[in-house]
Amino acid sequence: MSIQVRSVDKFYGSQQALRSVSFSIAKGEVVGFLGPNGAGKSTMMKIITCYIPPSAGQVEVCGFDVHKEGLEVRRSIGYLPEHNPLYTDMYVREFLAFAAEMNGIKRPAGRVAEMIERVGLGVEAHKKIEALSKGYRQRVGLAQALIHDPEVLILDEPTSGLDPNQLVGIRSLITELGREKTVMLSTHIMQEVEALCSRTIIINRGSIVADEPTAALKSGRFGQEQVVEIEFSGPVEPQWLMEIEGVIRIESGEQGWKVYARGDRDIRPDLSNLAAARGLTILTLARKEQKLEDVFKELTAYTSRLD
């Protein structure tokens, strides 16, 4: 595993920020790490990147322990924080050359040229960083994070404040990077996770409340309410539908039925069996996909009630 987190607790004085957090991320995965403000996202990312130690538990990056082998962990990670710390009075090439030298890169000029080409900075490489747009500054930050060819990328709000054109470029770059590196992406933009992440981890009040494939969360297969729309070739008694295990309620309409059920099992085979037993044909059958934003709100809703 590229990232292995086992039973991590973190206390700030008497306040517990993380509660027995455990998850793992394999090489080649692009994983969204989500949570409301104050949920523990930043704390967990700071522990993974060796900025702060855990109070209890174990964290490994590429097999290196963050407590005992911090230098090796840092060499394995490329980190782009939310507030991109750039030396804005330096030129792009100058800054990346400085970053390469700090990382002990042999022949830094070649590596800088490679990174400028990789992240699409060629037309801006002669400028001072202070003259760059937000999108190009993010590209400089990514180039810095990649300069030492790390196995793991930690990206904190990488597309915050970008315009639609800049979003397309950064998304494309992250997708490309995800084919060869492990990417952990923290963001408040649900569309980013839907577009980029094959898996989503949601943290709330210091505890993991979901760790599933993004498609599973959106389809309602992770403990959420699922909605199935179905149309039969003939009349159906409401009782027949309500007798299916997991069905919560039903609604009838001009185009058939809308069936609401628990999300822990797929009811579509049961609906097919019902049709066969009653001599009916299914004309349409579709499970309505939820928005990830709705799932996120449902899983973290009690935070606002407790605060």
Protein backbone atom coordinates (compact mmCIF):
# COMPACT_ATOMS: atom_id res chain seq x y z
CA MET A 1 0.00 0.00 0.00
CA SER A 2 1.18 3.53 -0.74
CA ILE A 3 -0.64 4.93 2.32
CA GLN A 4 -1.57 2.85 5.36
CA VAL A 5 -3.37 4.45 8.31
CA ARG A 6 -4.14 2.29 11.35
CA SER A 7 -6.22 3.37 14.37
CA VAL A 8 -4.95 6.94 14.44
CA ASP A 9 -6.01 9.29 17.25
CA LYS A 10 -5.01 12.92 17.55
CA PHE A 11 -5.54 15.16 20.56
CA TYR A 12 -5.01 18.90 20.82
CA GLY A 13 -4.97 19.22 24.58
CA SER A 14 -8.29 17.77 25.74
CA GLN A 15 -9.89 18.08 22.29
CA GLN A 16 -9.85 14.93 20.17
CA ALA A 17 -9.49 15.74 16.47
CA LEU A 18 -9.18 12.17 15.14
CA ARG A 19 -10.84 9.05 16.52
CA SER A 20 -9.39 5.65 15.57
CA VAL A 21 -9.02 6.57 11.88
CA SER A 22 -8.03 3.69 9.59
CA PHE A 23 -7.79 3.44 5.80
CA SER A 24 -5.36 2.40 3.09
CA ILE A 25 -4.70 3.69 -0.43
CA ALA A 26 -3.03 1.53 -3.06
CA LYS A 27 -0.67 2.65 -5.79
CA GLY A 28 -2.50 4.06 -8.81
CA GLU A 29 -5.63 5.08 -6.90
CA VAL A 30 -7.07 8.60 -7.04
CA VAL A 31 -8.99 8.96 -3.77
CA GLY A 32 -11.16 11.86 -2.66
CA PHE A 33 -10.82 12.79 1.03
CA LEU A 34 -13.89 14.76 2.06
CA GLY A 35 -15.36 16.25 5.20
CA PRO A 36 -16.98 19.41 6.55
CA ASN A 37 -14.86 22.15 8.11
CA GLY A 38 -13.37 20.94 11.38
CA ALA A 39 -13.89 17.26 10.53
CA GLY A 40 -10.19 16.35 10.77
CA LYS A 41 -9.14 16.40 7.09
CA SER A 42 -6.26 18.82 7.50
CA THR A 43 -5.08 17.11 10.68
CA MET A 44 -4.95 13.74 8.93
CA MET A 45 -3.10 15.16 5.94
CA LYS A 46 -0.59 16.90 8.21
CA ILE A 47 0.10 13.59 9.95
CA ILE A 48 0.59 11.77 6.63
CA THR A 49 3.00 14.47 5.44
CA CYS A 50 4.95 14.48 8.75
CA TYR A 51 3.99 18.01 9.79
CA ILE A 52 2.53 16.78 13.08
CA PRO A 53 2.70 13.40 14.87
CA PRO A 54 -0.32 11.25 15.75
CA SER A 55 -1.24 10.87 19.41
CA ALA A 56 -1.78 7.15 18.86
CA GLY A 57 -1.85 4.70 15.97
CA GLN A 58 0.44 4.12 13.01
CA VAL A 59 0.84 5.74 9.60
CA GLU A 60 3.05 4.42 6.81
CA VAL A 61 3.78 5.92 3.42
CA CYS A 62 5.39 3.58 0.88
CA GLY A 63 6.31 1.30 3.77
CA PHE A 64 7.99 4.06 5.83
CA ASP A 65 6.72 4.96 9.30
CA VAL A 66 5.93 8.69 9.65
CA HIS A 67 7.19 8.68 13.24
CA LYS A 68 10.45 6.77 12.75
CA GLU A 69 11.29 7.43 9.09
CA GLY A 70 10.07 10.94 8.44
CA LEU A 71 12.79 11.83 5.93
CA GLU A 72 11.98 8.80 3.75
CA VAL A 73 8.27 9.64 3.96
CA ARG A 74 8.92 13.20 2.79
CA ARG A 75 10.94 11.90 -0.13
CA SER A 76 8.00 9.70 -1.12
CA ILE A 77 5.41 12.50 -1.04
CA GLY A 78 4.64 15.47 -3.25
CA TYR A 79 2.41 17.93 -1.38
CA LEU A 80 0.34 20.79 -2.77
CA PRO A 81 -1.29 22.62 0.17
CA GLU A 82 -4.43 24.70 -0.16
CA HIS A 83 -2.51 27.95 0.23
CA ASN A 84 0.24 27.39 -2.29
CA PRO A 85 3.49 28.71 -0.67
CA LEU A 86 5.42 30.12 -3.62
CA TYR A 87 8.24 32.66 -3.72
CA THR A 88 6.38 35.10 -5.93
CA ASP A 89 9.40 37.33 -6.56
CA MET A 90 11.22 34.46 -8.29
CA TYR A 91 10.94 33.49 -11.93
CA VAL A 92 9.24 30.17 -12.72
CA ARG A 93 12.42 28.44 -13.91
CA GLU A 94 14.41 29.94 -11.04
CA PHE A 95 11.91 28.72 -8.44
CA LEU A 96 11.71 25.20 -9.85
CA ALA A 97 15.50 25.01 -10.09
CA PHE A 98 15.67 26.02 -6.42
CA ALA A 99 13.13 23.29 -5.55
CA ALA A 100 15.12 20.73 -7.55
CA GLU A 101 18.35 21.62 -5.79
CA MET A 102 16.64 21.44 -2.38
CA ASN A 103 15.56 17.91 -3.27
CA GLY A 104 19.05 16.91 -4.33
CA ILE A 105 18.15 16.43 -7.99
CA LYS A 106 21.11 15.69 -10.23
CA ARG A 107 21.11 17.75 -13.44
CA PRO A 108 18.29 20.03 -12.18
CA ALA A 109 18.04 22.00 -15.44
CA GLY A 110 16.85 18.92 -17.31
CA ARG A 111 14.33 18.04 -14.62
CA VAL A 112 13.00 21.62 -14.53
CA ALA A 113 12.51 21.59 -18.30
CA GLU A 114 10.72 18.25 -18.04
CA MET A 115 8.34 19.54 -15.35
CA ILE A 116 7.59 22.75 -17.23
CA GLU A 117 6.59 20.66 -20.24
CA ARG A 118 4.66 18.15 -18.10
CA VAL A 119 2.41 20.67 -16.37
CA GLY A 120 1.99 23.01 -19.34
CA LEU A 121 4.03 25.99 -18.12
CA GLY A 122 6.03 26.53 -21.29
CA VAL A 123 4.46 29.83 -22.37
CA GLU A 124 4.79 31.26 -18.82
CA ALA A 125 8.18 29.88 -17.83
CA HIS A 126 9.98 33.20 -18.43
CA LYS A 127 7.72 35.16 -16.07
CA LYS A 128 7.91 35.97 -12.40
CA ILE A 129 5.45 33.93 -10.33
CA GLU A 130 3.74 37.11 -9.12
CA ALA A 131 2.70 37.81 -12.72
CA LEU A 132 0.96 34.45 -13.17
CA SER A 133 -2.77 33.74 -12.98
CA LYS A 134 -4.15 31.51 -10.22
CA GLY A 135 -4.30 28.57 -12.64
CA TYR A 136 -0.65 28.87 -13.63
CA ARG A 137 0.42 29.33 -10.00
CA GLN A 138 -1.32 26.02 -9.26
CA ARG A 139 0.67 24.46 -12.09
CA VAL A 140 3.88 25.80 -10.56
CA GLY A 141 2.85 24.25 -7.24
CA LEU A 142 2.20 20.93 -8.95
CA ALA A 143 5.56 21.10 -10.72
CA GLN A 144 7.25 21.70 -7.37
CA ALA A 145 5.36 18.77 -5.82
CA LEU A 146 6.43 16.51 -8.72
CA ILE A 147 10.02 17.70 -9.11
CA HIS A 148 11.50 14.79 -7.09
CA ASP A 149 9.23 12.19 -8.77
CA PRO A 150 7.32 11.09 -5.64
CA GLU A 151 5.15 7.99 -5.56
CA VAL A 152 2.39 9.74 -3.59
CA LEU A 153 0.68 13.08 -4.28
CA ILE A 154 -1.29 14.88 -1.56
CA LEU A 155 -3.41 17.66 -3.09
CA ASP A 156 -5.38 20.00 -0.83
CA GLU A 157 -8.02 22.02 -2.73
CA PRO A 158 -5.99 21.97 -5.98
CA THR A 159 -8.69 23.65 -8.10
CA SER A 160 -9.96 26.24 -5.62
CA GLY A 161 -10.55 29.60 -7.29
CA LEU A 162 -9.87 28.47 -10.85
CA ASP A 163 -12.00 29.51 -13.81
CA PRO A 164 -13.69 26.84 -16.02
CA ASN A 165 -10.87 26.80 -18.57
CA GLN A 166 -8.23 26.42 -15.87
CA LEU A 167 -10.28 23.66 -14.23
CA VAL A 168 -10.19 21.57 -17.41
CA GLY A 169 -6.41 21.77 -17.59
CA ILE A 170 -5.76 20.91 -13.93
CA ARG A 171 -8.31 18.08 -13.96
CA SER A 172 -6.70 16.60 -17.04
CA LEU A 173 -3.28 16.78 -15.42
CA ILE A 174 -4.46 15.13 -12.18
CA THR A 175 -6.13 12.35 -14.18
CA GLU A 176 -2.89 11.75 -16.06
CA LEU A 177 -0.88 11.70 -12.83
CA GLY A 178 -3.31 9.22 -11.30
CA ARG A 179 -2.37 6.62 -13.89
CA GLU A 180 1.13 6.29 -12.44
CA LYS A 181 1.01 7.70 -8.90
CA THR A 182 -1.16 7.50 -5.81
CA VAL A 183 -3.24 10.66 -5.46
CA MET A 184 -5.07 11.76 -2.31
CA LEU A 185 -7.29 14.71 -3.13
CA SER A 186 -9.01 16.90 -0.54
CA THR A 187 -11.68 19.28 -1.79
CA HIS A 188 -15.06 20.83 -1.01
CA ILE A 189 -16.08 20.64 -4.67
CA MET A 190 -18.11 17.47 -5.14
CA GLN A 191 -17.89 17.69 -8.93
CA GLU A 192 -14.13 17.35 -8.61
CA VAL A 193 -14.47 14.07 -6.77
CA GLU A 194 -17.06 12.76 -9.24
CA ALA A 195 -14.81 13.69 -12.16
CA LEU A 196 -11.47 12.54 -10.77
CA CYS A 197 -11.80 10.01 -7.96
CA SER A 198 -12.58 6.32 -8.25
CA ARG A 199 -12.97 6.11 -4.48
CA THR A 200 -14.18 8.47 -1.77
CA ILE A 201 -13.36 8.63 1.94
CA ILE A 202 -15.59 10.86 4.07
CA ILE A 203 -14.56 11.96 7.55
CA ASN A 204 -16.89 13.60 10.06
CA ARG A 205 -16.11 14.79 13.60
CA GLY A 206 -12.81 12.91 13.50
CA SER A 207 -14.19 9.53 12.38
CA ILE A 208 -14.45 7.85 8.99
CA VAL A 209 -18.14 7.60 8.04
CA ALA A 210 -17.70 6.28 4.48
CA ASP A 211 -14.96 4.60 2.47
CA GLU A 212 -16.40 3.29 -0.77
CA PRO A 213 -16.06 3.48 -4.57
CA THR A 214 -17.49 6.83 -5.64
CA ALA A 215 -19.97 5.10 -7.94
CA ALA A 216 -21.28 3.02 -5.01
CA LEU A 217 -21.88 6.11 -2.91
CA LYS A 218 -23.77 7.82 -5.73
CA SER A 219 -25.89 4.78 -6.56
CA GLY A 220 -27.13 4.45 -2.99
CA ARG A 221 -25.45 1.09 -2.36
CA PHE A 222 -23.72 2.32 0.77
CA GLY A 223 -26.42 2.43 3.40
CA GLN A 224 -28.29 5.26 1.70
CA GLU A 225 -31.83 5.22 0.39
CA GLN A 226 -31.99 3.97 -3.19
CA VAL A 227 -34.66 4.94 -5.70
CA VAL A 228 -35.69 2.61 -8.51
CA GLU A 229 -38.04 3.69 -11.29
CA ILE A 230 -39.93 0.84 -12.96
CA GLU A 231 -42.74 0.46 -15.49
CA PHE A 232 -44.63 -2.83 -15.96
CA SER A 233 -46.69 -4.01 -18.91
CA GLY A 234 -49.79 -4.39 -16.76
CA PRO A 235 -51.37 -3.31 -13.48
CA VAL A 236 -49.51 -3.91 -10.22
CA GLU A 237 -50.91 -3.99 -6.71
CA PRO A 238 -48.98 -1.68 -4.33
CA GLN A 239 -48.83 -4.50 -1.77
CA TRP A 240 -46.72 -6.60 -4.15
CA LEU A 241 -44.03 -3.94 -4.18
CA MET A 242 -44.19 -3.28 -0.43
CA GLU A 243 -43.60 -6.97 0.28
CA ILE A 244 -40.12 -6.80 -1.29
CA GLU A 245 -37.42 -6.86 1.39
CA GLY A 246 -35.98 -3.41 2.05
CA VAL A 247 -38.74 -1.38 0.38
CA ILE A 248 -39.60 1.70 2.45
CA ARG A 249 -42.28 3.39 0.38
CA ILE A 250 -43.59 3.60 -3.16
CA GLU A 251 -45.07 6.26 -5.43
CA SER A 252 -47.20 5.71 -8.53
CA GLY A 253 -47.14 7.93 -11.59
CA GLU A 254 -48.15 8.07 -15.22
CA GLN A 255 -45.01 6.24 -16.30
CA GLY A 256 -45.00 3.53 -13.65
CA TRP A 257 -43.67 3.28 -10.10
CA LYS A 258 -40.98 4.92 -8.06
CA VAL A 259 -39.74 2.49 -5.39
CA TYR A 260 -37.75 3.73 -2.39
CA ALA A 261 -35.68 1.13 -0.53
CA ARG A 262 -32.74 0.71 1.80
CA GLY A 263 -29.40 1.10 0.07
CA ASP A 264 -27.76 -2.03 1.49
CA ARG A 265 -29.12 -4.40 -1.18
CA ASP A 266 -30.03 -4.16 -4.85
CA ILE A 267 -33.80 -4.64 -5.23
CA ARG A 268 -33.81 -4.85 -9.03
CA PRO A 269 -33.55 -8.68 -9.10
CA ASP A 270 -36.54 -8.82 -6.74
CA LEU A 271 -38.51 -6.59 -9.09
CA SER A 272 -37.62 -8.86 -12.00
CA ASN A 273 -38.74 -11.90 -10.02
CA LEU A 274 -42.01 -10.13 -9.16
CA ALA A 275 -42.71 -9.43 -12.81
CA ALA A 276 -41.98 -13.04 -13.80
CA ALA A 277 -44.20 -14.44 -11.03
CA ARG A 278 -47.11 -12.19 -12.03
CA GLY A 279 -46.75 -12.76 -15.77
CA LEU A 280 -45.70 -9.16 -16.43
CA THR A 281 -43.03 -7.63 -18.63
CA ILE A 282 -40.75 -4.87 -17.36
CA LEU A 283 -40.84 -2.00 -19.85
CA THR A 284 -38.33 0.27 -18.08
CA LEU A 285 -36.11 -0.25 -15.05
CA ALA A 286 -33.54 2.24 -13.79
CA ARG A 287 -31.93 3.02 -10.48
CA LYS A 288 -31.82 6.77 -9.98
CA GLU A 289 -28.32 7.99 -9.21
CA GLN A 290 -27.85 10.39 -6.31
CA LYS A 291 -25.60 13.39 -6.34
CA LEU A 292 -22.47 12.92 -4.28
CA GLU A 293 -23.30 16.22 -2.60
CA ASP A 294 -26.56 14.74 -1.28
CA VAL A 295 -24.77 11.68 0.07
CA PHE A 296 -22.17 13.89 1.73
CA LYS A 297 -24.87 15.98 3.38
CA GLU A 298 -26.70 12.91 4.64
CA LEU A 299 -23.56 11.35 6.12
CA THR A 300 -22.39 14.54 7.83
CA ALA A 301 -25.72 16.19 8.64
CA TYR A 302 -25.60 15.61 12.38
CA THR A 303 -22.50 17.80 12.72
CA SER A 304 -24.57 20.97 12.51
CA ARG A 305 -27.03 19.62 15.08
CA LEU A 306 -24.26 18.87 17.56
CA ASP A 307 -22.24 22.08 17.17
